[in-house]
Amino acid sequence: MRLKLFTAQDSINKKIFRAAFAVALATVVVKAVTAAKDLAVAHSFGRSDNLDAFLFAFMLPAFAINLIVAAVSAALIPVLVETRQKEGDASARQLLSGVMLLTGAALVAVAIALVLLAPLYLPYLAHSFVPEKQELTHRFLYLLAPWLVLSGLATFLTTVLNAIEKFALPALIPIFTPLVVFFCIVLWRSPGSGFALALGTVAGSFVEAALLYYFARKHQIMGAMRWHGFAPRVRLVLSQTGPMMAGCLLMGATPVVDQVMAAKLGPGSVSALSYGNKIPFGLLAIGATALSTAALPYFSRMAASGDWEGCRHTLKRYTLLILSVSVPCTVALMLSSHFLVRTLFQRGAFTSLDTAVVSTVQACYAIQIPFYIGSMLFVRFISSVRRNDVLMYASAINLVLDVVLNLALMRVWNVAGIAVSTSIVYVVSFLIVSIWSIRYLSRERLSRVPVAHVKATH
């Protein structure tokens, strides 16, 4: 008997691997430029009130983007893939046109609301800031309102290009924002004021959105922006967006809660969280973002065709790969945390005391890496089978757990306790989504056994 060395599912896994590798390689280039920008920020700001104010203001529109665009994107891709398979490209373009118009309108409405309502909510969210620092945060929020719309549309267009298996170029486009920010910091007469950060962020996002829209039109996935009404496919995306948005609201609230609680620990605490998460977040962007970006379109195809055995095979194969690669990286990062922070950031306004604080935070954040990457793989599978309600419930559990652990651990380890809390939350998240996915696949496999038996008896 001759054994088959490669199955059809192996071919799918290879496609996912190639796509993930392309995204990871592009992300490494982007992160290299981002690292240069971060070094310039550390040199100019250290852990200053100006940087605290900018990061706090940036957090709010970033949260809105994650809430709206991440939810719409996760709901859109499975429906878009199925629409292209069953109804053709013309129907897919109509679907994208309607969903993009609705997404853009939502982003504009949220940007206006954030700006107009800022005097009402900022005193509560940033109540530990002195009045001058609150006012500076308010001004940064006004300046960043256009970024919310531009970056949100750029993220949406990236999802659209990923759906047609265009991965490398969309992953490389985000290089423009850190590049523009870097030059703004270098050329600004008073770089420590923080306004160079705001101007560079908005200008970079405009370039990214324009380029992504051009490439989407070039690949003929996007047509003219016309409203075709609430067609059945549009309503299907909206029905999945609701629970996904609730999940993103709850899960996206975690970094907001962390920063709000860190602000209570004194000046520089918000900045310490930001610096401490630079390298772990970079690794997650290379690993989790690359793998989840590549996996969702293929999971969606397998789910649309009912290939549950293929889904199980891919989940098992990539979970083992994630653990074998990420666990050694995590250990190495934790052991070298102080050296890395000192080498990368300790110059200018960033002192040896800052290094001691940030390196501890970084080591605590590193614990989450294997579990975060693994959970994102299972999250993409759950989205592909349109069970975003499960993600909503899991996110609710994670948010409650994060708040409770923050309150307990920040009393013991100060700002590092918040990083430990985040890592524990992702351990629990991985357990929830992986156990649910395994049980779901087992039910689907068992539900097909009687059908196969009946066919075999005839």
Protein backbone atom coordinates (compact mmCIF):
# COMPACT_ATOMS: atom_id res chain seq x y z
CA MET A 1 0.00 0.00 0.00
CA ARG A 2 1.29 3.43 -0.90
CA LEU A 3 0.94 6.15 1.72
CA LYS A 4 -0.18 9.65 0.78
CA LEU A 5 2.43 12.05 2.05
CA PHE A 6 0.34 15.16 1.51
CA THR A 7 -3.42 15.46 1.86
CA ALA A 8 -5.69 18.23 0.67
CA GLN A 9 -5.70 19.60 4.19
CA ASP A 10 -1.90 19.70 4.19
CA SER A 11 -2.22 21.95 1.15
CA ILE A 12 -4.52 24.30 3.07
CA ASN A 13 -2.09 24.35 5.98
CA LYS A 14 0.74 25.23 3.61
CA LYS A 15 -1.28 28.11 2.18
CA ILE A 16 -1.97 29.38 5.69
CA PHE A 17 1.72 29.05 6.55
CA ARG A 18 2.84 30.92 3.42
CA ALA A 19 0.31 33.69 4.02
CA ALA A 20 1.25 33.93 7.70
CA PHE A 21 4.95 34.03 6.78
CA ALA A 22 4.34 36.85 4.29
CA VAL A 23 2.37 38.84 6.89
CA ALA A 24 5.01 38.14 9.55
CA LEU A 25 7.85 39.25 7.28
CA ALA A 26 6.05 42.48 6.38
CA THR A 27 5.22 43.04 10.04
CA VAL A 28 8.89 42.65 11.01
CA VAL A 29 9.75 45.48 8.60
CA VAL A 30 6.94 47.64 10.00
CA LYS A 31 7.98 46.90 13.58
CA ALA A 32 11.59 47.81 12.78
CA VAL A 33 10.45 51.27 11.71
CA THR A 34 8.10 51.41 14.70
CA ALA A 35 11.05 50.58 16.97
CA ALA A 36 12.99 53.54 15.54
CA LYS A 37 9.97 55.72 16.24
CA ASP A 38 9.71 54.37 19.80
CA LEU A 39 13.39 55.14 20.42
CA ALA A 40 12.81 58.72 19.30
CA VAL A 41 9.74 58.93 21.57
CA ALA A 42 11.68 57.54 24.55
CA HIS A 43 14.53 60.00 23.95
CA SER A 44 12.21 63.01 23.68
CA PHE A 45 9.59 62.12 26.31
CA GLY A 46 10.84 59.47 28.75
CA ARG A 47 7.88 58.85 31.08
CA SER A 48 6.59 62.43 30.96
CA ASP A 49 3.15 63.94 31.49
CA ASN A 50 3.04 64.91 27.79
CA LEU A 51 3.41 61.29 26.74
CA ASP A 52 0.90 60.15 29.36
CA ALA A 53 -1.63 62.65 27.99
CA PHE A 54 -1.07 61.61 24.37
CA LEU A 55 -1.30 57.89 25.14
CA PHE A 56 -4.47 58.42 27.15
CA ALA A 57 -6.05 60.44 24.33
CA PHE A 58 -4.88 57.91 21.72
CA MET A 59 -6.40 55.05 23.71
CA LEU A 60 -9.98 56.28 23.21
CA PRO A 61 -10.14 56.43 19.36
CA ALA A 62 -8.04 53.24 19.21
CA PHE A 63 -10.64 51.54 21.37
CA ALA A 64 -13.39 52.81 19.06
CA ILE A 65 -11.60 51.38 16.01
CA ASN A 66 -11.22 47.99 17.68
CA LEU A 67 -14.85 48.10 18.72
CA ILE A 68 -16.30 48.95 15.31
CA VAL A 69 -13.90 47.77 12.62
CA ALA A 70 -12.67 44.60 14.31
CA ALA A 71 -16.27 43.53 14.87
CA VAL A 72 -17.39 44.35 11.32
CA SER A 73 -14.32 42.67 9.81
CA ALA A 74 -14.76 39.44 11.78
CA ALA A 75 -18.43 39.34 10.78
CA LEU A 76 -17.78 40.31 7.15
CA ILE A 77 -15.12 37.84 5.98
CA PRO A 78 -17.11 34.58 6.37
CA VAL A 79 -20.09 36.16 4.60
CA LEU A 80 -17.89 37.73 1.91
CA VAL A 81 -16.10 34.44 1.19
CA GLU A 82 -19.40 32.58 0.92
CA THR A 83 -20.88 35.33 -1.30
CA ARG A 84 -17.95 35.17 -3.74
CA GLN A 85 -18.16 31.37 -3.87
CA LYS A 86 -21.91 31.15 -4.45
CA GLU A 87 -22.96 34.45 -6.07
CA GLY A 88 -19.85 35.83 -7.79
CA ASP A 89 -17.71 38.95 -7.63
CA ALA A 90 -20.46 41.42 -8.53
CA SER A 91 -22.52 40.46 -5.46
CA ALA A 92 -19.38 40.59 -3.32
CA ARG A 93 -18.66 44.16 -4.49
CA GLN A 94 -22.21 45.24 -3.67
CA LEU A 95 -21.87 43.69 -0.22
CA LEU A 96 -18.56 45.48 0.40
CA SER A 97 -19.92 48.80 -0.82
CA GLY A 98 -22.83 48.69 1.60
CA VAL A 99 -20.81 47.49 4.58
CA MET A 100 -18.01 50.03 4.00
CA LEU A 101 -20.47 52.94 3.80
CA LEU A 102 -22.10 51.85 7.05
CA THR A 103 -18.69 51.41 8.70
CA GLY A 104 -17.50 54.85 7.56
CA ALA A 105 -20.68 56.49 8.83
CA ALA A 106 -20.27 54.77 12.21
CA LEU A 107 -16.63 55.90 12.48
CA VAL A 108 -17.52 59.53 11.70
CA ALA A 109 -20.37 59.49 14.24
CA VAL A 110 -18.14 58.06 16.97
CA ALA A 111 -15.35 60.58 16.21
CA ILE A 112 -17.81 63.48 16.55
CA ALA A 113 -19.26 62.02 19.75
CA LEU A 114 -15.79 61.55 21.31
CA VAL A 115 -14.91 65.17 20.60
CA LEU A 116 -18.20 66.74 21.67
CA LEU A 117 -18.63 64.68 24.83
CA ALA A 118 -15.01 64.91 25.96
CA PRO A 119 -15.72 67.60 28.62
CA LEU A 120 -18.19 65.20 30.22
CA TYR A 121 -16.23 61.93 30.37
CA LEU A 122 -12.56 62.99 30.51
CA PRO A 123 -12.77 64.39 34.07
CA TYR A 124 -13.95 60.95 35.22
CA LEU A 125 -11.64 58.75 33.15
CA ALA A 126 -8.58 60.91 33.82
CA HIS A 127 -9.57 62.15 37.26
CA SER A 128 -6.10 61.44 38.66
CA PHE A 129 -4.54 63.86 36.13
CA VAL A 130 -3.95 67.44 37.27
CA PRO A 131 -6.14 70.03 35.44
CA GLU A 132 -3.33 71.05 33.06
CA LYS A 133 -2.73 67.41 32.12
CA GLN A 134 -6.46 66.86 31.58
CA GLU A 135 -6.59 69.88 29.27
CA LEU A 136 -3.61 68.58 27.29
CA THR A 137 -5.33 65.19 26.94
CA HIS A 138 -8.46 66.99 25.69
CA ARG A 139 -6.47 68.85 23.01
CA PHE A 140 -4.79 65.66 21.82
CA LEU A 141 -8.20 64.00 21.54
CA TYR A 142 -9.42 66.76 19.20
CA LEU A 143 -6.34 66.36 17.03
CA LEU A 144 -6.70 62.57 16.85
CA ALA A 145 -10.38 62.53 15.81
CA PRO A 146 -9.53 62.37 12.04
CA TRP A 147 -7.17 59.48 12.77
CA LEU A 148 -10.10 57.45 14.10
CA VAL A 149 -11.88 57.64 10.73
CA LEU A 150 -8.82 57.22 8.52
CA SER A 151 -7.25 54.39 10.48
CA GLY A 152 -10.61 52.64 10.81
CA LEU A 153 -11.15 52.67 7.04
CA ALA A 154 -7.56 51.51 6.47
CA THR A 155 -8.16 48.56 8.81
CA PHE A 156 -11.39 47.71 6.99
CA LEU A 157 -9.67 47.79 3.59
CA THR A 158 -6.89 45.56 4.91
CA THR A 159 -9.53 42.99 5.83
CA VAL A 160 -11.03 43.23 2.35
CA LEU A 161 -7.69 42.56 0.69
CA ASN A 162 -6.98 39.66 3.06
CA ALA A 163 -10.30 38.09 2.02
CA ILE A 164 -9.00 37.73 -1.55
CA GLU A 165 -5.70 36.31 -0.26
CA LYS A 166 -3.69 39.53 -0.61
CA PHE A 167 -1.66 39.50 2.59
CA ALA A 168 1.87 40.90 2.22
CA LEU A 169 1.10 44.36 0.81
CA PRO A 170 -1.65 45.27 3.31
CA ALA A 171 0.65 44.12 6.13
CA LEU A 172 3.42 46.41 4.84
CA ILE A 173 1.29 49.54 4.39
CA PRO A 174 1.21 50.40 8.16
CA ILE A 175 4.88 51.36 7.88
CA PHE A 176 3.86 54.90 6.90
CA THR A 177 2.42 56.05 10.23
CA PRO A 178 5.51 55.31 12.38
CA LEU A 179 7.71 56.63 9.58
CA VAL A 180 5.86 59.95 9.42
CA VAL A 181 5.74 60.18 13.24
CA PHE A 182 9.50 59.59 13.42
CA PHE A 183 10.25 62.42 11.00
CA CYS A 184 7.81 64.72 12.78
CA ILE A 185 9.60 64.11 16.09
CA VAL A 186 13.03 64.66 14.51
CA LEU A 187 12.03 67.83 12.62
CA TRP A 188 9.66 69.38 15.19
CA ARG A 189 11.15 72.38 16.94
CA SER A 190 9.65 71.36 20.29
CA PRO A 191 9.38 67.54 19.96
CA GLY A 192 8.67 67.11 23.68
CA SER A 193 5.34 68.95 23.34
CA GLY A 194 3.62 65.85 21.95
CA PHE A 195 1.98 67.57 18.99
CA ALA A 196 4.51 66.01 16.64
CA LEU A 197 3.04 62.65 17.66
CA ALA A 198 -0.51 63.74 16.88
CA LEU A 199 0.32 65.33 13.52
CA GLY A 200 2.42 62.37 12.38
CA THR A 201 -0.25 59.88 13.42
CA VAL A 202 -3.00 61.61 11.44
CA ALA A 203 -0.85 62.24 8.35
CA GLY A 204 0.41 58.66 8.29
CA SER A 205 -3.08 57.19 8.55
CA PHE A 206 -4.24 59.32 5.59
CA VAL A 207 -1.46 57.91 3.40
CA GLU A 208 -2.28 54.35 4.48
CA ALA A 209 -6.03 54.67 3.82
CA ALA A 210 -5.45 56.20 0.38
CA LEU A 211 -3.00 53.47 -0.68
CA LEU A 212 -5.19 50.63 0.56
CA TYR A 213 -8.24 52.00 -1.25
CA TYR A 214 -6.19 52.29 -4.45
CA PHE A 215 -5.04 48.67 -4.21
CA ALA A 216 -8.55 47.43 -3.40
CA ARG A 217 -9.84 49.13 -6.57
CA LYS A 218 -6.87 47.83 -8.56
CA HIS A 219 -7.65 44.22 -7.59
CA GLN A 220 -11.32 44.82 -8.48
CA ILE A 221 -12.65 43.73 -5.12
CA MET A 222 -14.03 47.21 -4.46
CA GLY A 223 -16.45 48.86 -6.83
CA ALA A 224 -18.01 52.31 -6.77
CA MET A 225 -19.22 53.38 -3.34
CA ARG A 226 -22.99 53.07 -3.75
CA TRP A 227 -25.71 52.20 -1.31
CA HIS A 228 -27.71 49.16 -2.45
CA GLY A 229 -30.01 49.00 0.54
CA PHE A 230 -30.15 46.49 3.38
CA ALA A 231 -29.74 43.42 1.21
CA PRO A 232 -29.92 39.99 2.88
CA ARG A 233 -26.13 39.61 2.92
CA VAL A 234 -25.70 43.06 4.50
CA ARG A 235 -28.27 42.17 7.16
CA LEU A 236 -26.42 38.91 7.80
CA VAL A 237 -23.17 40.80 8.42
CA LEU A 238 -24.97 43.23 10.74
CA SER A 239 -26.57 40.37 12.68
CA GLN A 240 -23.11 38.91 13.33
CA THR A 241 -21.59 42.33 14.04
CA GLY A 242 -23.84 42.86 17.09
CA PRO A 243 -22.50 40.07 19.31
CA MET A 244 -18.99 40.52 17.90
CA MET A 245 -19.10 44.22 18.77
CA ALA A 246 -20.26 43.37 22.27
CA GLY A 247 -17.32 40.99 22.56
CA CYS A 248 -14.91 43.63 21.23
CA LEU A 249 -16.42 46.17 23.64
CA LEU A 250 -15.78 43.90 26.59
CA MET A 251 -12.37 42.65 25.47
CA GLY A 252 -11.27 46.03 24.13
CA ALA A 253 -12.20 47.56 27.46
CA THR A 254 -9.39 45.58 29.08
CA PRO A 255 -6.53 47.89 27.96
CA VAL A 256 -8.71 50.91 28.72
CA VAL A 257 -9.36 49.61 32.23
CA ASP A 258 -5.65 48.84 32.63
CA GLN A 259 -4.61 52.37 31.67
CA VAL A 260 -7.30 54.03 33.78
CA MET A 261 -6.23 51.98 36.79
CA ALA A 262 -2.55 52.59 36.03
CA ALA A 263 -3.23 56.34 36.01
CA LYS A 264 -4.14 56.04 39.71
CA LEU A 265 -0.65 54.75 40.55
CA GLY A 266 1.12 58.03 39.91
CA PRO A 267 2.95 59.92 37.14
CA GLY A 268 4.60 57.75 34.50
CA SER A 269 2.58 54.61 35.22
CA VAL A 270 0.61 54.77 31.96
CA SER A 271 3.86 55.29 30.07
CA ALA A 272 5.45 52.35 31.91
CA LEU A 273 2.64 50.07 30.69
CA SER A 274 3.12 51.35 27.14
CA TYR A 275 6.89 50.89 27.11
CA GLY A 276 6.65 47.50 28.84
CA ASN A 277 4.28 46.21 26.18
CA LYS A 278 6.34 47.35 23.18
CA ILE A 279 8.35 44.16 22.64
CA PRO A 280 5.63 41.67 23.73
CA PHE A 281 3.12 43.46 21.51
CA GLY A 282 5.63 43.41 18.65
CA LEU A 283 6.02 39.66 18.98
CA LEU A 284 2.24 39.27 19.14
CA ALA A 285 1.88 41.40 16.02
CA ILE A 286 4.34 39.17 14.20
CA GLY A 287 2.87 35.91 15.50
CA ALA A 288 -0.78 36.33 16.43
CA THR A 289 -1.69 38.95 13.84
CA ALA A 290 0.09 37.10 11.04
CA LEU A 291 -1.46 33.73 11.84
CA SER A 292 -4.97 34.99 12.56
CA THR A 293 -4.96 37.21 9.46
CA ALA A 294 -3.97 34.28 7.28
CA ALA A 295 -6.23 31.71 8.97
CA LEU A 296 -9.62 33.47 8.89
CA PRO A 297 -10.22 33.36 5.09
CA TYR A 298 -9.24 29.67 4.95
CA PHE A 299 -11.28 28.75 8.02
CA SER A 300 -14.21 30.56 6.39
CA ARG A 301 -13.82 28.51 3.21
CA MET A 302 -13.67 25.23 5.14
CA ALA A 303 -16.67 26.19 7.27
CA ALA A 304 -18.68 27.19 4.20
CA SER A 305 -18.04 23.76 2.67
CA GLY A 306 -18.56 21.85 5.93
CA ASP A 307 -14.97 20.58 6.10
CA TRP A 308 -14.89 20.12 9.89
CA GLU A 309 -12.15 17.52 9.79
CA GLY A 310 -9.99 20.02 7.94
CA CYS A 311 -10.69 22.65 10.61
CA ARG A 312 -9.76 20.19 13.37
CA HIS A 313 -6.55 19.24 11.58
CA THR A 314 -5.52 22.88 11.12
CA LEU A 315 -6.28 23.82 14.73
CA LYS A 316 -4.29 20.88 16.07
CA ARG A 317 -1.32 21.42 13.74
CA TYR A 318 -1.01 25.13 14.41
CA THR A 319 -1.59 24.90 18.16
CA LEU A 320 1.43 22.58 18.41
CA LEU A 321 3.45 24.92 16.18
CA ILE A 322 2.50 27.96 18.28
CA LEU A 323 3.53 26.31 21.54
CA SER A 324 6.81 24.95 20.19
CA VAL A 325 7.89 28.37 18.90
CA SER A 326 6.38 30.84 21.37
CA VAL A 327 7.26 29.19 24.69
CA PRO A 328 11.06 29.41 24.14
CA CYS A 329 10.67 32.99 22.88
CA THR A 330 8.69 33.89 26.00
CA VAL A 331 11.30 32.44 28.34
CA ALA A 332 14.12 34.21 26.49
CA LEU A 333 12.27 37.54 26.63
CA MET A 334 11.63 37.26 30.36
CA LEU A 335 15.27 36.42 31.13
CA SER A 336 16.65 39.26 28.98
CA SER A 337 14.01 41.87 29.84
CA HIS A 338 16.26 44.25 31.79
CA PHE A 339 19.03 44.11 29.18
CA LEU A 340 16.62 44.81 26.32
CA VAL A 341 14.94 47.78 28.00
CA ARG A 342 18.28 49.28 29.03
CA THR A 343 19.70 48.83 25.54
CA LEU A 344 16.67 50.13 23.65
CA PHE A 345 15.33 52.95 25.80
CA GLN A 346 17.81 54.10 28.46
CA ARG A 347 19.01 57.41 27.06
CA GLY A 348 17.93 61.04 27.15
CA ALA A 349 14.89 61.47 29.39
CA PHE A 350 14.62 57.69 30.00
CA THR A 351 16.58 56.94 33.19
CA SER A 352 17.89 53.81 34.93
CA LEU A 353 14.92 54.01 37.34
CA ASP A 354 12.59 53.88 34.33
CA THR A 355 14.49 50.82 33.09
CA ALA A 356 13.94 48.99 36.39
CA VAL A 357 10.18 49.65 36.32
CA VAL A 358 9.61 48.97 32.62
CA SER A 359 11.71 45.78 32.49
CA THR A 360 9.59 44.23 35.25
CA VAL A 361 6.39 45.20 33.45
CA GLN A 362 7.76 43.74 30.21
CA ALA A 363 8.64 40.40 31.81
CA CYS A 364 5.13 40.15 33.26
CA TYR A 365 3.52 40.99 29.92
CA ALA A 366 5.63 38.33 28.18
CA ILE A 367 3.80 35.51 29.99
CA GLN A 368 0.74 36.05 27.81
CA ILE A 369 2.49 35.44 24.47
CA PRO A 370 1.81 31.69 23.87
CA PHE A 371 -1.75 31.94 25.17
CA TYR A 372 -2.62 35.11 23.25
CA ILE A 373 -1.39 33.68 19.94
CA GLY A 374 -3.17 30.37 20.56
CA SER A 375 -6.41 32.06 21.56
CA MET A 376 -6.41 34.19 18.39
CA LEU A 377 -6.24 31.05 16.25
CA PHE A 378 -9.33 29.63 17.97
CA VAL A 379 -11.08 33.02 17.88
CA ARG A 380 -10.74 33.06 14.08
CA PHE A 381 -12.24 29.60 13.88
CA ILE A 382 -15.19 30.64 16.05
CA SER A 383 -15.77 33.72 13.87
CA SER A 384 -15.67 31.56 10.73
CA VAL A 385 -18.54 29.41 12.04
CA ARG A 386 -20.49 32.59 12.95
CA ARG A 387 -20.65 31.94 16.68
CA ASN A 388 -19.56 35.40 17.74
CA ASP A 389 -21.93 35.15 20.71
CA VAL A 390 -19.41 32.75 22.27
CA LEU A 391 -16.70 35.40 21.96
CA MET A 392 -19.00 37.92 23.60
CA TYR A 393 -19.51 35.72 26.66
CA ALA A 394 -15.79 34.91 26.86
CA SER A 395 -14.92 38.61 26.67
CA ALA A 396 -17.33 39.39 29.50
CA ILE A 397 -15.60 36.81 31.70
CA ASN A 398 -12.20 38.22 30.77
CA LEU A 399 -13.16 41.82 31.59
CA VAL A 400 -14.52 40.95 35.02
CA LEU A 401 -11.46 38.83 35.73
CA ASP A 402 -9.14 41.65 34.59
CA VAL A 403 -10.71 44.20 36.93
CA VAL A 404 -10.64 41.84 39.91
CA LEU A 405 -7.03 40.81 39.28
CA ASN A 406 -5.92 44.41 38.70
CA LEU A 407 -7.35 45.47 42.06
CA ALA A 408 -5.66 42.57 43.83
CA LEU A 409 -2.27 42.53 42.10
CA MET A 410 -1.56 46.25 41.68
CA ARG A 411 -1.57 46.52 45.47
CA VAL A 412 1.21 43.96 45.65
CA TRP A 413 3.32 44.68 42.55
CA ASN A 414 2.19 48.20 41.61
CA VAL A 415 2.07 48.74 37.81
CA ALA A 416 3.65 45.31 37.17
CA GLY A 417 0.59 43.74 38.82
CA ILE A 418 -1.55 45.07 35.96
CA ALA A 419 0.73 43.30 33.46
CA VAL A 420 0.48 40.04 35.42
CA SER A 421 -3.30 40.41 35.46
CA THR A 422 -3.38 40.80 31.66
CA SER A 423 -1.32 37.64 31.18
CA ILE A 424 -3.62 35.62 33.45
CA VAL A 425 -6.64 36.89 31.52
CA TYR A 426 -5.21 35.53 28.25
CA VAL A 427 -4.46 32.17 29.84
CA VAL A 428 -8.13 31.91 30.81
CA SER A 429 -9.22 33.18 27.38
CA PHE A 430 -7.19 30.47 25.65
CA LEU A 431 -8.77 27.77 27.79
CA ILE A 432 -12.31 29.03 27.10
CA VAL A 433 -12.06 29.33 23.31
CA SER A 434 -10.04 26.15 22.80
CA ILE A 435 -12.35 23.97 24.90
CA TRP A 436 -15.45 25.39 23.17
CA SER A 437 -13.92 24.83 19.70
CA ILE A 438 -12.98 21.22 20.47
CA ARG A 439 -16.49 20.48 21.74
CA TYR A 440 -18.07 22.18 18.71
CA LEU A 441 -16.00 20.12 16.27
CA SER A 442 -16.82 16.92 18.18
CA ARG A 443 -20.56 17.66 17.91
CA GLU A 444 -20.30 18.39 14.20
CA ARG A 445 -18.37 15.18 13.58
CA LEU A 446 -20.86 13.08 15.54
CA SER A 447 -23.82 14.72 13.80
CA ARG A 448 -22.51 13.48 10.44
CA VAL A 449 -21.95 9.88 11.50
CA PRO A 450 -25.60 8.75 10.99
CA VAL A 451 -25.68 10.36 7.57
CA ALA A 452 -22.51 8.55 6.52
CA HIS A 453 -23.86 5.26 7.92
CA VAL A 454 -27.11 5.60 5.97
CA LYS A 455 -25.20 6.23 2.75
CA ALA A 456 -23.01 3.21 3.37
CA THR A 457 -26.01 0.86 3.77
CA HIS A 458 -27.55 1.77 0.41
